[in-house]
C-alpha atoms as a PDB file:
ATOM      1  CA  MET A   1      23.989  -8.049  -7.959  1.00  0.00           C
ATOM      2  CA  SER A   2      20.251  -8.280  -7.284  1.00  0.00           C
ATOM      3  CA  SER A   3      18.306  -4.888  -7.457  1.00  0.00           C
ATOM      4  CA  THR A   4      15.935  -3.621  -5.144  1.00  0.00           C
ATOM      5  CA  VAL A   5      13.468  -1.277  -4.795  1.00  0.00           C
ATOM      6  CA  SER A   6      11.675   0.166  -1.607  1.00  0.00           C
ATOM      7  CA  ILE A   7       8.263  -0.174  -0.684  1.00  0.00           C
ATOM      8  CA  TYR A   8       6.406   1.993   1.144  1.00  0.00           C
ATOM      9  CA  VAL A   9       2.490   2.735   2.525  1.00  0.00           C
ATOM     10  CA  ALA A  10       1.608   6.587   1.160  1.00  0.00           C
ATOM     11  CA  ILE A  11      -0.570   8.869   3.199  1.00  0.00           C
ATOM     12  CA  TYR A  12      -3.024  11.886   1.346  1.00  0.00           C
ATOM     13  CA  ASN A  13      -5.220  14.217   3.077  1.00  0.00           C
ATOM     14  CA  ASP A  14      -7.037  14.524  -0.187  1.00  0.00           C
ATOM     15  CA  GLY A  15     -10.195  15.892   1.577  1.00  0.00           C
ATOM     16  CA  GLY A  16     -11.882  13.143   2.644  1.00  0.00           C
ATOM     17  CA  VAL A  17     -13.380  11.670   5.818  1.00  0.00           C
ATOM     18  CA  TYR A  18      -9.711   9.522   6.867  1.00  0.00           C
ATOM     19  CA  LYS A  19      -6.074  10.040   5.272  1.00  0.00           C
ATOM     20  CA  HIS A  20      -6.255   8.063   2.065  1.00  0.00           C
ATOM     21  CA  TRP A  21      -3.487   4.971   1.792  1.00  0.00           C
ATOM     22  CA  GLY A  22      -2.176   3.116  -0.879  1.00  0.00           C
ATOM     23  CA  LEU A  23       1.024   0.744  -1.426  1.00  0.00           C
ATOM     24  CA  PHE A  24       3.850   2.612  -3.151  1.00  0.00           C
ATOM     25  CA  ILE A  25       6.469   0.758  -5.477  1.00  0.00           C
ATOM     26  CA  ASP A  26       9.732   3.485  -5.552  1.00  0.00           C
ATOM     27  CA  GLU A  27      10.940   1.787  -9.260  1.00  0.00           C
ATOM     28  CA  PRO A  28      13.833   4.026 -10.060  1.00  0.00           C
ATOM     29  CA  GLN A  29      12.061   4.364 -13.614  1.00  0.00           C
ATOM     30  CA  GLU A  30       9.869   7.489 -13.319  1.00  0.00           C
ATOM     31  CA  ALA A  31       7.337   5.557 -15.346  1.00  0.00           C
ATOM     32  CA  ASP A  32       7.518   2.381 -13.698  1.00  0.00           C
ATOM     33  CA  LYS A  33       6.652   3.961 -10.315  1.00  0.00           C
ATOM     34  CA  MET A  34       3.520   2.181  -9.161  1.00  0.00           C
ATOM     35  CA  LEU A  35       0.646   3.616  -6.206  1.00  0.00           C
ATOM     36  CA  LEU A  36      -1.315   0.279  -5.682  1.00  0.00           C
ATOM     37  CA  HIS A  37      -4.924   1.575  -4.328  1.00  0.00           C
ATOM     38  CA  VAL A  38      -8.139   1.121  -4.150  1.00  0.00           C
ATOM     39  CA  LYS A  39     -10.277   4.586  -4.745  1.00  0.00           C
ATOM     40  CA  GLY A  40     -14.245   4.977  -3.987  1.00  0.00           C
ATOM     41  CA  SER A  41     -16.524   5.571  -1.119  1.00  0.00           C
ATOM     42  CA  ASP A  42     -18.372   3.342   1.441  1.00  0.00           C
ATOM     43  CA  GLY A  43     -19.479   0.053  -0.325  1.00  0.00           C
ATOM     44  CA  ARG A  44     -18.406   1.496  -3.812  1.00  0.00           C
ATOM     45  CA  PHE A  45     -14.273   0.987  -3.876  1.00  0.00           C
ATOM     46  CA  ARG A  46     -13.050  -0.571  -6.524  1.00  0.00           C
ATOM     47  CA  TYR A  47      -9.253  -1.398  -6.999  1.00  0.00           C
ATOM     48  CA  GLU A  48      -7.546   1.298  -9.448  1.00  0.00           C
ATOM     49  CA  PRO A  49      -3.433   0.839  -9.493  1.00  0.00           C
ATOM     50  CA  GLU A  50      -1.499   4.172 -11.312  1.00  0.00           C
ATOM     51  CA  ALA A  51       2.063   4.975 -12.842  1.00  0.00           C
ATOM     52  CA  ARG A  52       3.113   7.841 -10.630  1.00  0.00           C
ATOM     53  CA  ASP A  53       5.407   8.964  -8.421  1.00  0.00           C
ATOM     54  CA  ALA A  54       3.583   9.158  -4.858  1.00  0.00           C
ATOM     55  CA  ARG A  55       6.020  11.921  -4.423  1.00  0.00           C
ATOM     56  CA  ARG A  56       4.356  14.061  -6.716  1.00  0.00           C
ATOM     57  CA  SER A  57       1.115  14.925  -4.879  1.00  0.00           C
ATOM     58  CA  ALA A  58       0.056  18.172  -3.072  1.00  0.00           C
ATOM     59  CA  SER A  59      -2.175  16.045  -0.275  1.00  0.00           C
ATOM     60  CA  LEU A  60       0.846  13.583   0.282  1.00  0.00           C
ATOM     61  CA  VAL A  61       1.420  13.891   3.993  1.00  0.00           C
ATOM     62  CA  GLU A  62       3.789  11.029   4.470  1.00  0.00           C
ATOM     63  CA  LEU A  63       5.485   8.078   2.916  1.00  0.00           C
ATOM     64  CA  VAL A  64       6.710   5.270   5.506  1.00  0.00           C
ATOM     65  CA  TYR A  65       8.705   3.044   4.550  1.00  0.00           C
ATOM     66  CA  LEU A  66       8.217  -0.727   4.643  1.00  0.00           C
ATOM     67  CA  CYS A  67      11.053  -2.539   3.128  1.00  0.00           C
ATOM     68  CA  GLY A  68      13.183  -2.827   0.522  1.00  0.00           C
ATOM     69  CA  VAL A  69      12.352  -5.852  -2.468  1.00  0.00           C
ATOM     70  CA  ASN A  70      14.062  -7.590  -4.902  1.00  0.00           C
ATOM     71  CA  VAL A  71      13.020  -6.407  -8.437  1.00  0.00           C
ATOM     72  CA  THR A  72      12.249 -10.074  -9.318  1.00  0.00           C
ATOM     73  CA  LYS A  73       9.261  -9.702  -6.822  1.00  0.00           C
ATOM     74  CA  ILE A  74       7.765  -6.192  -8.486  1.00  0.00           C
ATOM     75  CA  SER A  75       5.053  -8.135 -10.754  1.00  0.00           C
ATOM     76  CA  ALA A  76       4.343 -10.625  -7.528  1.00  0.00           C
ATOM     77  CA  ILE A  77       3.533  -7.775  -6.007  1.00  0.00           C
ATOM     78  CA  LYS A  78       0.852  -6.205  -8.280  1.00  0.00           C
ATOM     79  CA  SER A  79      -0.448  -9.342  -8.457  1.00  0.00           C
ATOM     80  CA  ALA A  80      -1.475 -10.065  -4.710  1.00  0.00           C
ATOM     81  CA  ALA A  81      -2.775  -6.367  -5.207  1.00  0.00           C
ATOM     82  CA  SER A  82      -5.475  -7.201  -7.911  1.00  0.00           C
ATOM     83  CA  LYS A  83      -6.319 -10.031  -6.103  1.00  0.00           C
ATOM     84  CA  VAL A  84      -6.874  -8.726  -2.552  1.00  0.00           C
ATOM     85  CA  ILE A  85     -10.780  -9.085  -1.757  1.00  0.00           C
ATOM     86  CA  VAL A  86     -12.660  -5.361  -1.773  1.00  0.00           C
ATOM     87  CA  HIS A  87     -14.692  -6.057   1.169  1.00  0.00           C
ATOM     88  CA  ASN A  88     -17.788  -3.619  -0.160  1.00  0.00           C
ATOM     89  CA  GLU A  89     -20.155  -5.477   1.932  1.00  0.00           C
ATOM     90  CA  VAL A  90     -18.258  -4.280   4.889  1.00  0.00           C
ATOM     91  CA  ARG A  91     -19.424  -1.123   6.701  1.00  0.00           C
ATOM     92  CA  GLY A  92     -16.323   1.064   6.669  1.00  0.00           C
ATOM     93  CA  TRP A  93     -13.880  -0.660   5.144  1.00  0.00           C
ATOM     94  CA  ASN A  94     -11.568   1.552   3.030  1.00  0.00           C
ATOM     95  CA  CYS A  95      -7.889   2.032   1.594  1.00  0.00           C
ATOM     96  CA  GLN A  96      -6.597   1.889   4.818  1.00  0.00           C
ATOM     97  CA  ASP A  97      -8.179  -1.893   5.360  1.00  0.00           C
ATOM     98  CA  TYR A  98      -6.661  -2.809   1.732  1.00  0.00           C
ATOM     99  CA  VAL A  99      -3.272  -1.864   2.419  1.00  0.00           C
ATOM    100  CA  LEU A 100      -3.269  -3.646   5.518  1.00  0.00           C
ATOM    101  CA  ASP A 101      -4.885  -6.660   3.863  1.00  0.00           C
ATOM    102  CA  LEU A 102      -2.107  -6.139   1.214  1.00  0.00           C
ATOM    103  CA  LEU A 103       0.317  -6.508   3.392  1.00  0.00           C
ATOM    104  CA  ASP A 104      -0.777  -9.313   4.942  1.00  0.00           C
ATOM    105  CA  ALA A 105      -1.072 -11.172   1.792  1.00  0.00           C
ATOM    106  CA  LEU A 106       2.391 -10.173   0.854  1.00  0.00           C
ATOM    107  CA  GLU A 107       3.508 -11.509   4.115  1.00  0.00           C
ATOM    108  CA  LYS A 108       1.180 -15.020   2.985  1.00  0.00           C
ATOM    109  CA  GLU A 109       2.958 -15.154  -0.545  1.00  0.00           C
ATOM    110  CA  ALA A 110       6.298 -14.266   1.073  1.00  0.00           C
ATOM    111  CA  ILE A 111       7.179 -11.726  -0.877  1.00  0.00           C
ATOM    112  CA  VAL A 112       8.060 -10.016   1.795  1.00  0.00           C
ATOM    113  CA  SER A 113       8.996 -11.297   5.694  1.00  0.00           C
ATOM    114  CA  ASN A 114       6.582 -10.994   8.692  1.00  0.00           C
ATOM    115  CA  GLN A 115      10.574 -12.036  10.037  1.00  0.00           C
ATOM    116  CA  ASP A 116      12.252  -9.238   9.414  1.00  0.00           C
ATOM    117  CA  ALA A 117      11.845  -6.846  12.330  1.00  0.00           C
ATOM    118  CA  GLY A 118      12.371  -3.849  10.476  1.00  0.00           C
ATOM    119  CA  TYR A 119       9.540  -4.340   7.918  1.00  0.00           C
ATOM    120  CA  ARG A 120       7.153  -5.642  11.182  1.00  0.00           C
ATOM    121  CA  ASN A 121       8.179  -2.864  13.467  1.00  0.00           C
ATOM    122  CA  GLN A 122       7.171  -0.259  10.244  1.00  0.00           C
ATOM    123  CA  LYS A 123       3.752  -2.234   9.840  1.00  0.00           C
ATOM    124  CA  ILE A 124       3.186  -1.747  13.382  1.00  0.00           C
ATOM    125  CA  LEU A 125       3.762   2.068  13.016  1.00  0.00           C
ATOM    126  CA  VAL A 126       1.449   2.025  10.040  1.00  0.00           C
ATOM    127  CA  ARG A 127      -1.699  -0.364  12.056  1.00  0.00           C
ATOM    128  CA  GLY A 128      -0.929   2.630  14.496  1.00  0.00           C
ATOM    129  CA  LYS A 129      -2.229   5.477  11.410  1.00  0.00           C
ATOM    130  CA  GLN A 130      -5.669   3.394  10.660  1.00  0.00           C
ATOM    131  CA  GLU A 131      -8.585   6.333  11.610  1.00  0.00           C
ATOM    132  CA  GLY A 132     -12.122   4.895  12.469  1.00  0.00           C
ATOM    133  CA  LEU A 133     -11.658   2.649  14.467  1.00  0.00           C
ATOM    134  CA  ALA A 134     -13.740   2.266  17.711  1.00  0.00           C
END
């Protein structure tokens, strides 16, 4: 029997110009829950994973379910998240771009499948929530 965990895009309204996004891995044990995101400001973002439950923030606006992944893939997700290029050289690049870049990386590494219609539809939904696009 394989065990799965759910992954979500956590969307926060923490008073910034745009809503803050992170990829939330909802592990069963509280201490193992992980938020993968970048923090900072334009031109000064840095990758900062946090061991925490995304639901335990007063600024959480929405959790968008993406899919379930086998627990054996969690370390690969964390590894991929740490390798996503933080584009501080691109004016306006932010945490929302980071999450979308991370999803692309997870697809490229076959950690999640863009052939899964449920995941694909949720990714389209998330992409539609991206702010600041001209």
